[in-house]
Amino acid sequence: MKLFRTRPLRRRGAERGMTTAEYTVGTLGACTVGGVLVKVGQSEWFGELVQGLIEKIPGLIPGL
């Protein structure tokens, strides 16, 4: 008795380039987001925002 495949076989070799391209796009995206976060973190207004939040923390904790 012969069994027939219901799906055609996929060629794995054709997928290797696409997988590499997807990793490349993901890596570039992550580096871009990281670069933007570094720039925002170095800005003056962000530093003032963080400093203001840190100064307010003792007032939020009862007993300090």
N, C-alpha and C. Protein backbone atom coordinates (compact mmCIF):
# COMPACT_ATOMS: atom_id res chain seq x y z
N MET A 1 0.85 -1.19 0.00
CA MET A 1 0.00 0.00 0.00
C MET A 1 0.89 1.24 0.00
N LYS A 2 0.65 2.16 -0.89
CA LYS A 2 1.42 3.40 -1.01
C LYS A 2 0.73 4.53 -0.28
N LEU A 3 1.51 5.29 0.45
CA LEU A 3 0.96 6.47 1.12
C LEU A 3 1.35 7.70 0.33
N PHE A 4 0.42 8.58 0.13
CA PHE A 4 0.67 9.81 -0.62
C PHE A 4 0.73 10.98 0.35
N ARG A 5 1.61 11.89 0.05
CA ARG A 5 1.73 13.10 0.88
C ARG A 5 0.60 14.07 0.52
N THR A 6 0.06 14.69 1.56
CA THR A 6 -1.00 15.67 1.31
C THR A 6 -0.42 17.06 1.05
N ARG A 7 0.81 17.28 1.51
CA ARG A 7 1.46 18.57 1.30
C ARG A 7 2.73 18.35 0.51
N PRO A 8 3.08 19.28 -0.33
CA PRO A 8 4.36 19.13 -1.04
C PRO A 8 5.53 19.39 -0.09
N LEU A 9 6.65 18.77 -0.35
CA LEU A 9 7.84 18.97 0.46
C LEU A 9 8.35 20.39 0.29
N ARG A 10 8.80 20.99 1.39
CA ARG A 10 9.38 22.33 1.31
C ARG A 10 10.88 22.20 1.21
N ARG A 11 11.45 23.08 0.47
CA ARG A 11 12.90 23.10 0.35
C ARG A 11 13.47 23.99 1.44
N ARG A 12 14.26 23.43 2.32
CA ARG A 12 14.82 24.19 3.44
C ARG A 12 15.89 25.17 2.98
N GLY A 13 16.59 24.86 1.95
CA GLY A 13 17.66 25.74 1.49
C GLY A 13 17.16 27.10 1.07
N ALA A 14 15.94 27.19 0.58
CA ALA A 14 15.38 28.47 0.14
C ALA A 14 15.03 29.37 1.32
N GLU A 15 14.90 28.80 2.51
CA GLU A 15 14.49 29.59 3.68
C GLU A 15 15.68 30.20 4.42
N ARG A 16 16.87 29.73 4.18
CA ARG A 16 18.02 30.20 4.95
C ARG A 16 18.27 31.70 4.78
N GLY A 17 18.21 32.20 3.56
CA GLY A 17 18.44 33.62 3.34
C GLY A 17 17.38 34.48 3.98
N MET A 18 16.16 34.02 3.95
CA MET A 18 15.07 34.79 4.55
C MET A 18 15.24 34.85 6.07
N THR A 19 15.63 33.75 6.67
CA THR A 19 15.83 33.74 8.12
C THR A 19 16.95 34.70 8.50
N THR A 20 18.02 34.70 7.75
CA THR A 20 19.13 35.62 8.02
C THR A 20 18.68 37.06 7.87
N ALA A 21 17.88 37.33 6.85
CA ALA A 21 17.38 38.70 6.66
C ALA A 21 16.47 39.12 7.81
N GLU A 22 15.67 38.21 8.31
CA GLU A 22 14.77 38.54 9.43
C GLU A 22 15.58 38.85 10.68
N TYR A 23 16.64 38.07 10.94
CA TYR A 23 17.50 38.37 12.09
C TYR A 23 18.18 39.72 11.92
N THR A 24 18.59 40.02 10.73
CA THR A 24 19.26 41.30 10.47
C THR A 24 18.31 42.47 10.74
N VAL A 25 17.10 42.36 10.25
CA VAL A 25 16.11 43.43 10.47
C VAL A 25 15.81 43.56 11.96
N GLY A 26 15.67 42.45 12.65
CA GLY A 26 15.41 42.49 14.09
C GLY A 26 16.55 43.11 14.87
N THR A 27 17.78 42.76 14.49
CA THR A 27 18.95 43.32 15.16
C THR A 27 19.07 44.83 14.92
N LEU A 28 18.85 45.23 13.68
CA LEU A 28 18.89 46.67 13.38
C LEU A 28 17.79 47.43 14.12
N GLY A 29 16.62 46.84 14.21
CA GLY A 29 15.53 47.47 14.95
C GLY A 29 15.86 47.63 16.43
N ALA A 30 16.44 46.57 17.03
CA ALA A 30 16.80 46.64 18.44
C ALA A 30 17.89 47.68 18.68
N CYS A 31 18.86 47.76 17.78
CA CYS A 31 19.93 48.76 17.93
C CYS A 31 19.38 50.18 17.78
N THR A 32 18.43 50.35 16.87
CA THR A 32 17.82 51.67 16.69
C THR A 32 17.06 52.10 17.94
N VAL A 33 16.27 51.19 18.49
CA VAL A 33 15.53 51.52 19.73
C VAL A 33 16.50 51.83 20.86
N GLY A 34 17.58 51.04 20.96
CA GLY A 34 18.58 51.30 22.00
C GLY A 34 19.23 52.66 21.83
N GLY A 35 19.56 53.03 20.58
CA GLY A 35 20.16 54.33 20.32
C GLY A 35 19.23 55.48 20.68
N VAL A 36 17.95 55.32 20.37
CA VAL A 36 16.97 56.36 20.72
C VAL A 36 16.86 56.48 22.24
N LEU A 37 16.85 55.35 22.94
CA LEU A 37 16.76 55.40 24.41
C LEU A 37 17.99 56.07 25.02
N VAL A 38 19.17 55.82 24.45
CA VAL A 38 20.38 56.47 24.96
C VAL A 38 20.29 57.98 24.76
N LYS A 39 19.85 58.40 23.58
CA LYS A 39 19.73 59.84 23.30
C LYS A 39 18.72 60.51 24.23
N VAL A 40 17.58 59.85 24.45
CA VAL A 40 16.56 60.40 25.34
C VAL A 40 17.11 60.45 26.77
N GLY A 41 17.82 59.40 27.18
CA GLY A 41 18.38 59.35 28.53
C GLY A 41 19.43 60.43 28.77
N GLN A 42 20.10 60.88 27.74
CA GLN A 42 21.11 61.92 27.87
C GLN A 42 20.54 63.33 27.78
N SER A 43 19.27 63.45 27.45
CA SER A 43 18.70 64.79 27.31
C SER A 43 18.46 65.44 28.67
N GLU A 44 18.47 66.76 28.68
CA GLU A 44 18.34 67.51 29.93
C GLU A 44 16.97 67.33 30.57
N TRP A 45 15.92 67.37 29.75
CA TRP A 45 14.56 67.26 30.31
C TRP A 45 14.32 65.90 30.94
N PHE A 46 14.91 64.86 30.40
CA PHE A 46 14.74 63.53 30.98
C PHE A 46 15.46 63.44 32.33
N GLY A 47 16.64 64.03 32.40
CA GLY A 47 17.37 64.06 33.67
C GLY A 47 16.59 64.79 34.75
N GLU A 48 15.97 65.91 34.37
CA GLU A 48 15.16 66.66 35.33
C GLU A 48 13.93 65.87 35.76
N LEU A 49 13.34 65.14 34.83
CA LEU A 49 12.18 64.31 35.14
C LEU A 49 12.54 63.23 36.15
N VAL A 50 13.64 62.54 35.91
CA VAL A 50 14.07 61.48 36.83
C VAL A 50 14.43 62.07 38.19
N GLN A 51 15.12 63.18 38.20
CA GLN A 51 15.49 63.82 39.47
C GLN A 51 14.24 64.22 40.24
N GLY A 52 13.24 64.78 39.57
CA GLY A 52 12.00 65.16 40.24
C GLY A 52 11.27 63.95 40.82
N LEU A 53 11.28 62.85 40.08
CA LEU A 53 10.64 61.64 40.61
C LEU A 53 11.37 61.10 41.83
N ILE A 54 12.69 61.12 41.80
CA ILE A 54 13.48 60.62 42.93
C ILE A 54 13.26 61.51 44.16
N GLU A 55 13.14 62.81 43.95
CA GLU A 55 12.91 63.73 45.08
C GLU A 55 11.52 63.53 45.69
N LYS A 56 10.56 63.03 44.92
CA LYS A 56 9.20 62.84 45.44
C LYS A 56 9.02 61.52 46.17
N ILE A 57 9.92 60.57 45.99
CA ILE A 57 9.76 59.24 46.59
C ILE A 57 9.69 59.30 48.12
N PRO A 58 10.55 60.02 48.82
CA PRO A 58 10.44 60.04 50.28
C PRO A 58 9.08 60.57 50.79
N GLY A 59 8.47 61.46 50.06
CA GLY A 59 7.18 61.99 50.46
C GLY A 59 6.05 60.99 50.28
N LEU A 60 6.25 60.00 49.43
CA LEU A 60 5.23 58.99 49.18
C LEU A 60 5.26 57.84 50.19
N ILE A 61 6.40 57.68 50.86
CA ILE A 61 6.55 56.58 51.81
C ILE A 61 6.17 57.10 53.20
N PRO A 62 5.16 56.51 53.82
CA PRO A 62 4.76 56.97 55.15
C PRO A 62 5.84 56.66 56.21
N GLY A 63 6.04 57.57 57.10
CA GLY A 63 6.99 57.39 58.19
C GLY A 63 8.38 57.94 57.90
N LEU A 64 8.59 58.51 56.72
CA LEU A 64 9.92 59.10 56.44
C LEU A 64 9.88 60.58 56.59
